[in-house]
Protein backbone atom coordinates (compact mmCIF):
# COMPACT_ATOMS: atom_id res chain seq x y z
CA MET A 1 -7.46 -30.04 8.09
CA ARG A 2 -7.20 -26.27 7.93
CA LYS A 3 -9.64 -24.35 10.09
CA GLN A 4 -11.14 -21.56 8.02
CA PHE A 5 -13.57 -18.80 8.91
CA GLY A 6 -14.48 -17.35 5.54
CA LEU A 7 -17.11 -14.62 5.47
CA LEU A 8 -19.37 -16.85 7.55
CA TRP A 9 -19.25 -16.23 11.27
CA VAL A 10 -18.44 -19.84 12.20
CA PRO A 11 -19.82 -19.77 15.79
CA ILE A 12 -23.34 -19.47 14.33
CA LYS A 13 -22.90 -22.97 12.93
CA LEU A 14 -21.77 -24.19 16.33
CA ILE A 15 -24.80 -22.59 17.97
CA ALA A 16 -27.09 -24.18 15.40
CA LEU A 17 -25.67 -27.64 15.91
CA SER A 18 -25.86 -27.32 19.69
CA PHE A 19 -29.20 -25.57 19.79
CA ILE A 20 -31.07 -27.90 17.49
CA VAL A 21 -30.65 -30.85 19.85
CA SER A 22 -32.49 -28.96 22.59
CA ILE A 23 -35.52 -27.87 20.55
CA ALA A 24 -38.13 -29.55 18.39
CA PHE A 25 -39.52 -27.93 15.29
CA ILE A 26 -43.26 -27.39 15.20
CA ALA A 27 -44.69 -28.68 11.94
CA CYS A 28 -47.40 -26.42 10.62
CA GLU A 29 -49.04 -26.89 7.26
CA LYS A 30 -50.83 -23.54 7.33
CA GLU A 31 -50.38 -21.64 4.09
CA GLU A 32 -51.30 -18.00 4.36
CA PRO A 33 -54.30 -16.94 2.22
CA VAL A 34 -53.68 -14.90 -0.89
CA ASP A 35 -55.97 -11.91 -1.36
CA ALA A 36 -55.89 -8.25 -2.34
CA CYS A 37 -52.99 -7.73 0.08
CA ASN A 38 -50.85 -10.12 -1.92
CA PRO A 39 -51.13 -10.35 -5.72
CA SER A 40 -49.59 -13.66 -6.79
CA GLY A 41 -46.87 -14.26 -9.36
CA VAL A 42 -45.20 -10.87 -9.03
CA GLN A 43 -41.92 -9.66 -7.57
CA GLY A 44 -42.25 -9.58 -3.79
CA ALA A 45 -45.28 -11.89 -3.74
CA LEU A 46 -45.70 -13.95 -0.59
CA VAL A 47 -46.08 -17.63 -1.47
CA GLU A 48 -46.11 -19.12 2.02
CA ALA A 49 -45.28 -18.25 5.61
CA LYS A 50 -45.10 -21.39 7.74
CA LEU A 51 -44.62 -21.44 11.50
CA VAL A 52 -41.74 -23.78 12.31
CA ILE A 53 -40.85 -23.07 15.94
CA THR A 54 -41.49 -20.87 18.93
CA ILE A 55 -38.27 -19.88 20.72
CA THR A 56 -38.12 -18.51 24.26
CA PRO A 57 -35.35 -16.27 25.62
CA GLU A 58 -34.43 -19.00 28.10
CA LEU A 59 -33.51 -21.35 25.26
CA VAL A 60 -31.07 -18.82 23.79
CA GLN A 61 -29.74 -17.06 26.89
CA ALA A 62 -27.40 -19.91 27.82
CA TYR A 63 -25.47 -19.53 24.58
CA LEU A 64 -24.83 -15.80 24.69
CA THR A 65 -21.82 -15.51 26.96
CA GLN A 66 -20.06 -18.27 25.00
CA PHE A 67 -19.94 -15.99 21.99
CA GLY A 68 -19.15 -12.60 23.43
CA ALA A 69 -22.34 -11.19 24.91
CA PRO A 70 -21.62 -9.08 27.97
CA ILE A 71 -22.79 -10.22 31.38
CA GLY A 72 -26.26 -8.87 31.99
CA PHE A 73 -27.30 -8.77 28.32
CA ASP A 74 -30.92 -9.91 28.44
CA LEU A 75 -33.36 -11.07 25.81
CA GLU A 76 -36.94 -9.94 26.31
CA TYR A 77 -39.40 -11.56 23.90
CA THR A 78 -40.55 -15.04 22.97
CA VAL A 79 -40.42 -15.29 19.18
CA ASP A 80 -42.39 -17.22 16.56
CA ALA A 81 -40.17 -18.22 13.63
CA TYR A 82 -41.68 -18.61 10.17
CA SER A 83 -40.12 -20.09 7.07
CA VAL A 84 -41.06 -17.74 4.24
CA GLN A 85 -41.31 -18.49 0.53
CA TYR A 86 -41.60 -15.50 -1.80
CA LYS A 87 -40.83 -14.27 -5.32
CA THR A 88 -37.87 -12.23 -6.51
CA LEU A 89 -35.92 -11.67 -9.75
CA ASP A 90 -33.11 -13.82 -11.16
CA LYS A 91 -30.14 -12.75 -13.28
CA ASN A 92 -32.36 -12.70 -16.38
CA ASN A 93 -34.83 -10.36 -14.64
CA GLU A 94 -37.43 -13.13 -14.48
CA ILE A 95 -39.61 -14.08 -11.49
CA THR A 96 -38.04 -16.87 -9.43
CA PRO A 97 -38.61 -18.53 -6.03
CA ALA A 98 -36.71 -17.28 -2.99
CA SER A 99 -36.86 -17.99 0.73
CA GLY A 100 -36.02 -16.53 4.09
CA VAL A 101 -37.06 -16.50 7.73
CA MET A 102 -39.35 -14.15 9.65
CA PHE A 103 -39.21 -13.76 13.44
CA ILE A 104 -42.27 -12.20 15.11
CA PRO A 105 -41.93 -11.33 18.81
CA ARG A 106 -44.98 -11.97 20.93
CA GLY A 107 -46.77 -9.37 23.00
CA LEU A 108 -46.40 -6.28 20.80
CA ASN A 109 -49.13 -4.21 19.18
CA THR A 110 -46.96 -2.52 16.54
CA TYR A 111 -43.80 -3.81 14.94
CA ASP A 112 -40.63 -2.04 13.81
CA VAL A 113 -39.07 -4.09 10.98
CA VAL A 114 -35.40 -4.96 10.57
CA SER A 115 -33.95 -6.97 7.70
CA VAL A 116 -30.78 -8.77 8.78
CA GLN A 117 -28.44 -10.09 6.07
CA HIS A 118 -26.29 -13.13 6.86
CA GLY A 119 -22.62 -13.82 6.18
CA THR A 120 -21.26 -16.16 3.54
CA SER A 121 -22.84 -19.59 3.39
CA LEU A 122 -22.19 -22.00 0.55
CA LYS A 123 -24.32 -24.88 1.74
CA ARG A 124 -27.90 -24.48 0.56
CA ASP A 125 -29.50 -25.74 3.77
CA GLU A 126 -27.41 -23.65 6.19
CA VAL A 127 -29.82 -20.71 6.15
CA GLY A 128 -32.67 -19.40 8.25
CA SER A 129 -35.57 -20.84 6.25
CA LYS A 130 -34.21 -24.34 6.82
CA ASN A 131 -33.15 -23.85 10.44
CA PRO A 132 -33.98 -20.50 12.07
CA VAL A 133 -30.88 -20.69 14.26
CA TYR A 134 -28.72 -20.07 11.18
CA ALA A 135 -30.28 -16.60 11.28
CA PHE A 136 -29.10 -16.18 14.87
CA ASP A 137 -28.41 -12.46 14.48
CA ALA A 138 -31.95 -11.81 13.21
CA LEU A 139 -33.33 -13.92 16.06
CA LEU A 140 -31.54 -11.74 18.61
CA TYR A 141 -33.00 -8.57 17.08
CA ALA A 142 -36.46 -10.15 17.33
CA MET A 143 -35.91 -11.07 20.96
CA LYS A 144 -35.18 -7.39 21.58
CA GLY A 145 -38.54 -6.41 20.07
CA PHE A 146 -38.11 -6.09 16.30
CA LEU A 147 -40.02 -7.99 13.66
CA ALA A 148 -36.89 -9.39 12.05
CA VAL A 149 -36.53 -10.97 8.64
CA ALA A 150 -33.48 -12.59 7.06
CA PRO A 151 -33.31 -13.46 3.35
CA ASP A 152 -31.56 -16.69 2.42
CA TYR A 153 -30.43 -15.06 -0.89
CA LEU A 154 -30.73 -16.56 -4.36
CA GLY A 155 -29.01 -19.93 -4.67
CA LEU A 156 -29.67 -20.81 -1.03
CA GLY A 157 -32.73 -22.13 0.79
CA ASN A 158 -35.37 -23.09 -1.78
CA SER A 159 -33.47 -21.49 -4.70
CA ASP A 160 -31.50 -24.03 -6.75
CA MET A 161 -29.42 -21.71 -8.93
CA MET A 162 -25.84 -20.71 -8.18
CA HIS A 163 -25.68 -18.05 -5.48
CA PRO A 164 -24.83 -14.70 -7.17
CA TYR A 165 -22.19 -13.90 -4.58
CA LEU A 166 -21.49 -10.18 -4.06
CA ASN A 167 -23.80 -9.06 -6.85
CA ALA A 168 -25.34 -5.78 -5.74
CA GLN A 169 -28.63 -5.78 -7.67
CA LEU A 170 -29.57 -9.43 -7.13
CA SER A 171 -28.64 -9.19 -3.46
CA ALA A 172 -30.73 -6.05 -3.02
CA ASN A 173 -33.69 -7.66 -4.81
CA ALA A 174 -33.70 -10.54 -2.32
CA VAL A 175 -33.79 -8.05 0.59
CA MET A 176 -36.43 -5.73 -0.86
CA ASP A 177 -38.70 -8.55 -1.99
CA LEU A 178 -38.65 -10.25 1.41
CA ILE A 179 -39.63 -6.93 3.01
CA ARG A 180 -42.44 -6.62 0.45
CA ALA A 181 -43.58 -10.18 1.25
CA THR A 182 -43.43 -9.37 4.97
CA ARG A 183 -45.63 -6.35 4.45
CA LYS A 184 -48.11 -8.54 2.57
CA TYR A 185 -48.09 -11.05 5.43
CA ALA A 186 -48.81 -8.22 7.87
CA CYS A 187 -51.66 -6.96 5.70
CA THR A 188 -53.20 -10.42 5.39
CA ASN A 189 -52.84 -11.18 9.10
CA ASP A 190 -53.77 -7.79 10.58
CA LEU A 191 -50.33 -7.05 11.99
CA ALA A 192 -49.55 -3.38 12.49
CA LEU A 193 -46.16 -2.33 11.12
CA SER A 194 -44.66 0.99 12.07
CA GLU A 195 -43.00 3.27 9.54
CA LYS A 196 -39.57 2.43 10.97
CA LEU A 197 -37.42 0.17 8.82
CA PHE A 198 -33.85 -0.90 9.55
CA LEU A 199 -31.13 -2.86 7.73
CA ALA A 200 -28.17 -4.68 9.27
CA GLY A 201 -25.74 -7.38 8.23
CA TYR A 202 -22.27 -8.76 8.86
CA SER A 203 -19.59 -9.77 6.34
CA GLU A 204 -21.33 -10.70 3.06
CA GLY A 205 -24.39 -9.46 4.93
CA GLY A 206 -22.66 -6.11 5.41
CA TYR A 207 -22.14 -5.91 1.66
CA VAL A 208 -25.75 -6.91 0.94
CA THR A 209 -27.01 -4.38 3.50
CA MET A 210 -25.11 -1.54 1.85
CA ALA A 211 -26.20 -2.66 -1.63
CA ALA A 212 -29.85 -2.77 -0.57
CA HIS A 213 -29.54 0.64 1.09
CA GLN A 214 -28.04 2.22 -2.01
CA ILE A 215 -30.60 0.72 -4.40
CA MET A 216 -33.55 1.47 -2.11
CA GLU A 217 -32.62 5.16 -1.96
CA THR A 218 -31.58 5.44 -5.59
CA ASP A 219 -34.41 3.52 -7.26
CA HIS A 220 -37.19 2.89 -4.72
CA SER A 221 -37.28 5.88 -2.39
CA ASP A 222 -41.07 6.12 -2.74
CA GLU A 223 -41.44 2.60 -1.32
CA PHE A 224 -38.68 2.28 1.28
CA GLN A 225 -37.79 4.99 3.79
CA LEU A 226 -35.03 3.71 6.03
CA THR A 227 -34.67 4.69 9.68
CA GLY A 228 -31.15 3.35 10.24
CA VAL A 229 -28.63 1.12 8.49
CA ALA A 230 -25.74 -0.83 10.02
CA PRO A 231 -23.35 -2.45 7.51
CA MET A 232 -20.77 -4.52 9.42
CA SER A 233 -17.38 -5.77 8.15
CA GLY A 234 -18.35 -6.07 4.50
CA PRO A 235 -16.25 -6.08 1.29
CA TYR A 236 -17.70 -2.88 -0.15
CA ASP A 237 -14.72 -1.92 -2.32
CA LEU A 238 -14.71 -5.03 -4.49
CA ILE A 239 -12.38 -3.81 -7.19
CA SER A 240 -9.61 -2.75 -4.81
CA THR A 241 -10.12 -5.76 -2.55
CA THR A 242 -9.80 -8.16 -5.47
CA ARG A 243 -6.72 -6.38 -6.77
CA ASN A 244 -5.08 -6.51 -3.34
CA LEU A 245 -5.88 -10.17 -2.80
CA LEU A 246 -4.58 -11.22 -6.20
CA GLN A 247 -1.24 -9.66 -5.33
CA LEU A 248 -0.83 -11.93 -2.31
CA GLU A 249 1.23 -15.10 -2.38
CA THR A 250 -1.18 -16.92 -0.08
CA PHE A 251 -4.71 -16.43 1.24
CA ASN A 252 -6.09 -18.59 4.04
CA SER A 253 -9.65 -18.72 2.73
CA PRO A 254 -9.29 -19.45 -0.99
CA ALA A 255 -12.94 -20.53 -1.18
CA LEU A 256 -13.96 -16.88 -0.99
CA LEU A 257 -11.81 -15.75 -3.90
CA ALA A 258 -12.88 -18.72 -5.99
CA PHE A 259 -16.53 -18.11 -5.10
CA VAL A 260 -16.45 -14.49 -6.30
CA VAL A 261 -14.92 -15.47 -9.63
CA ALA A 262 -17.20 -18.49 -10.13
CA ALA A 263 -20.32 -16.49 -9.26
CA TYR A 264 -19.42 -13.66 -11.62
CA ASP A 265 -18.56 -16.16 -14.35
CA ASP A 266 -22.10 -17.55 -13.93
CA VAL A 267 -23.99 -14.23 -13.72
CA TYR A 268 -22.11 -12.58 -16.59
CA GLU A 269 -21.88 -15.83 -18.60
CA TRP A 270 -18.18 -15.54 -19.36
CA ASN A 271 -17.55 -19.31 -19.41
CA ARG A 272 -13.91 -18.62 -18.52
CA LEU A 273 -13.11 -20.83 -15.54
CA ASP A 274 -10.48 -22.70 -17.59
CA ASP A 275 -8.75 -19.41 -18.39
CA ILE A 276 -8.75 -18.23 -14.79
CA PHE A 277 -8.04 -21.29 -12.63
CA MET A 278 -5.37 -23.95 -12.75
CA GLU A 279 -6.33 -27.58 -13.12
CA PRO A 280 -7.61 -29.65 -11.44
CA TYR A 281 -9.41 -26.74 -9.74
CA ALA A 282 -11.02 -25.28 -12.86
CA SER A 283 -12.89 -28.55 -13.37
CA MET A 284 -13.72 -28.94 -9.66
CA ILE A 285 -15.04 -25.46 -8.95
CA PRO A 286 -18.57 -25.76 -10.44
CA GLY A 287 -19.25 -28.71 -8.15
CA MET A 288 -17.80 -26.90 -5.15
CA PHE A 289 -20.42 -24.16 -5.39
CA ASP A 290 -23.50 -26.23 -6.16
CA GLY A 291 -24.93 -25.81 -2.66
CA SER A 292 -23.78 -29.15 -1.29
CA GLN A 293 -20.55 -28.06 0.40
CA SER A 294 -19.63 -25.63 3.16
CA VAL A 295 -16.94 -22.94 3.17
CA GLY A 296 -14.71 -25.25 5.19
CA ASP A 297 -15.29 -28.14 2.76
CA VAL A 298 -14.21 -26.00 -0.18
CA ASN A 299 -11.24 -24.50 1.63
CA ASP A 300 -9.98 -28.00 2.37
CA GLN A 301 -9.89 -28.77 -1.37
CA LEU A 302 -8.24 -25.56 -2.60
CA PRO A 303 -4.63 -24.45 -2.17
CA THR A 304 -3.80 -21.37 -0.13
CA ASP A 305 -0.92 -20.74 -2.56
CA LEU A 306 -2.52 -18.48 -5.15
CA ASP A 307 0.04 -19.43 -7.82
CA SER A 308 -1.36 -22.95 -7.59
CA LEU A 309 -4.97 -21.80 -7.78
CA PHE A 310 -4.95 -19.09 -10.47
CA GLN A 311 -3.46 -19.09 -13.95
CA SER A 312 -0.43 -16.80 -13.82
CA GLU A 313 -1.47 -15.21 -17.11
CA PHE A 314 -4.82 -14.25 -15.62
CA ARG A 315 -3.33 -12.70 -12.50
CA THR A 316 -0.80 -10.73 -14.54
CA ALA A 317 -3.42 -9.52 -17.01
CA PHE A 318 -5.82 -8.46 -14.25
CA LEU A 319 -3.18 -6.59 -12.29
CA GLN A 320 -2.00 -4.83 -15.46
CA GLY A 321 -5.53 -3.68 -16.28
CA GLU A 322 -6.05 -5.99 -19.25
CA GLU A 323 -9.02 -7.97 -17.87
CA GLN A 324 -11.47 -5.21 -18.66
CA ALA A 325 -14.71 -7.22 -18.52
CA ILE A 326 -13.92 -8.66 -15.11
CA ALA A 327 -12.72 -5.32 -13.78
CA ALA A 328 -15.88 -3.65 -15.09
CA ALA A 329 -18.09 -6.22 -13.35
CA LEU A 330 -16.26 -5.74 -10.06
CA GLN A 331 -16.49 -1.97 -10.44
CA GLU A 332 -20.22 -2.22 -11.21
CA ASN A 333 -20.73 -4.04 -7.91
CA THR A 334 -18.41 -1.86 -5.84
CA LEU A 335 -20.50 0.17 -3.37
CA LEU A 336 -18.77 3.53 -3.51
CA GLY A 337 -19.58 6.92 -5.01
CA TRP A 338 -22.91 7.68 -3.32
CA GLY A 339 -24.16 9.62 -0.33
CA PRO A 340 -26.80 7.94 1.87
CA ILE A 341 -29.80 9.83 3.15
CA ALA A 342 -30.70 7.50 6.03
CA PRO A 343 -28.39 7.41 9.07
CA VAL A 344 -25.57 4.88 8.73
CA ARG A 345 -23.18 3.37 11.25
CA LEU A 346 -20.33 1.36 9.82
CA PHE A 347 -18.83 -1.27 12.15
CA HIS A 348 -15.56 -3.09 11.44
CA GLY A 349 -12.80 -4.81 13.41
CA THR A 350 -9.44 -3.10 12.95
CA SER A 351 -7.65 -6.48 12.90
CA ASP A 352 -10.04 -8.20 10.51
CA ASP A 353 -8.12 -11.06 8.91
CA ILE A 354 -10.65 -11.86 6.18
CA VAL A 355 -12.23 -8.58 5.01
CA ALA A 356 -9.76 -5.73 5.17
CA TYR A 357 -10.70 -2.89 7.51
CA GLU A 358 -9.88 -0.49 4.66
CA ASN A 359 -13.15 -1.51 2.98
CA THR A 360 -15.00 0.38 5.68
CA THR A 361 -12.70 3.39 5.93
CA THR A 362 -12.90 3.79 2.15
CA ALA A 363 -16.70 3.48 2.17
CA TYR A 364 -16.93 5.96 5.05
CA ALA A 365 -14.79 8.54 3.23
CA SER A 366 -16.75 8.03 0.01
CA MET A 367 -20.11 8.49 1.75
CA LEU A 368 -18.98 11.73 3.36
CA ALA A 369 -17.47 13.02 0.13
CA ASN A 370 -20.72 12.34 -1.70
CA GLY A 371 -22.93 14.19 0.76
CA GLY A 372 -23.89 11.48 3.23
CA LEU A 373 -26.17 13.17 5.74
CA SER A 374 -25.44 11.10 8.84
CA VAL A 375 -22.56 8.62 8.63
CA ASP A 376 -20.49 7.31 11.53
CA LEU A 377 -17.56 4.89 11.61
CA ILE A 378 -17.32 2.61 14.65
CA PRO A 379 -13.90 0.85 14.67
CA LEU A 380 -13.73 -2.23 16.88
CA LEU A 381 -10.16 -2.02 18.11
CA GLY A 382 -8.27 -5.29 17.78
CA ALA A 383 -11.28 -7.29 16.62
CA THR A 384 -10.82 -9.97 13.96
CA HIS A 385 -13.49 -11.12 11.53
CA ALA A 386 -14.71 -13.72 14.01
CA THR A 387 -14.47 -11.69 17.20
CA GLY A 388 -16.02 -8.57 15.68
CA PHE A 389 -19.39 -10.18 15.04
CA PHE A 390 -21.04 -10.05 18.44
CA PRO A 391 -19.87 -6.55 19.42
CA SER A 392 -21.11 -5.24 16.07
CA LEU A 393 -24.47 -6.93 16.56
CA LEU A 394 -25.00 -5.61 20.08
CA LEU A 395 -23.87 -2.09 19.28
CA SER A 396 -26.04 -1.88 16.17
CA GLU A 397 -29.09 -3.16 18.04
CA ALA A 398 -28.59 -0.58 20.80
CA TRP A 399 -28.28 2.17 18.18
CA PHE A 400 -31.48 1.01 16.47
CA ASP A 401 -33.22 1.10 19.86
CA SER A 402 -32.21 4.74 20.24
CA LEU A 403 -33.56 5.58 16.77
CA ARG A 404 -36.92 3.94 17.28
CA ALA A 405 -37.29 5.69 20.63
CA ASP A 406 -37.09 9.10 18.89
């Protein structure tokens, strides 16, 4: 069996499996009241926020050094974790259910909010609303004093459609609407939120973070004013990344390439899997991405030899610029050509073996060229996709601390 990492930081799964045996979930049937704070049936409506567990720093502290936390890194706050159900928009721009997790630290009078976007997960239940430990990065932010939320994304958690993988607008909607639902929860429950709002995410979460940042500032600047944004190791330059990957002979995580194509085929309704993939994979792929299998499960069923996975005619046509619809979709979801207003720090391991480091250097150059007001690049020397996660998380949290202290 091949051991694959994918865009999911695999140690989170190990933490979840280990951690869950030492804690018991607290069942709570409380459904938050709906009132003037929370109009029902609209985008961003809060359907339910259910307390599932209270987590103390002592329960988590033992796991930190195993996964790269420096000696002396301390967690400060006990956190209440809520499974959140809310409303967002689907690919047809219609209201649809979505879910996520909200972590509220105890003992604070006012809360700074951070939305933390997770890395690639194919399995519908491996998300924060189902088990808060799958949102381990958001949990750590909360234990350092943030009210932290983490969207599951469409197609995961309580959403039964196909996950629209690396789709900028649908990803941003899931982030913005969970923040809206969180604000409605705060209004209903007399929680004081500060004006400080942060975004962070690793891998796919880095992509989603940058997409949400761009769309918030471009289309919703009256509603969202960001204090700081930390995209980490994301595939921002989708068109170039796809072109580079399709030129390879082999790729050790074929599930990721197949997932992008299958998700775009679904969102854009091309119905072209038979034209793109070789058999038997063309027939197998819809079932691989139905929410029942993990990244590792799918990788074990797909060949790393790309000649065996993709139709040669498709690869040739794409690389020669003849697959215009697919190239246009990738270009539409590529996160370049804009200058952010809010401060940004881009984190990426220089030896990333899954998402090329050039995604971040290209995004950095593009942001500066387009008038980005405060953009920094933080290279993590020698870090791979797996080993870059924890340093990125700790450095971004420390930076956010400095911004909220201003």
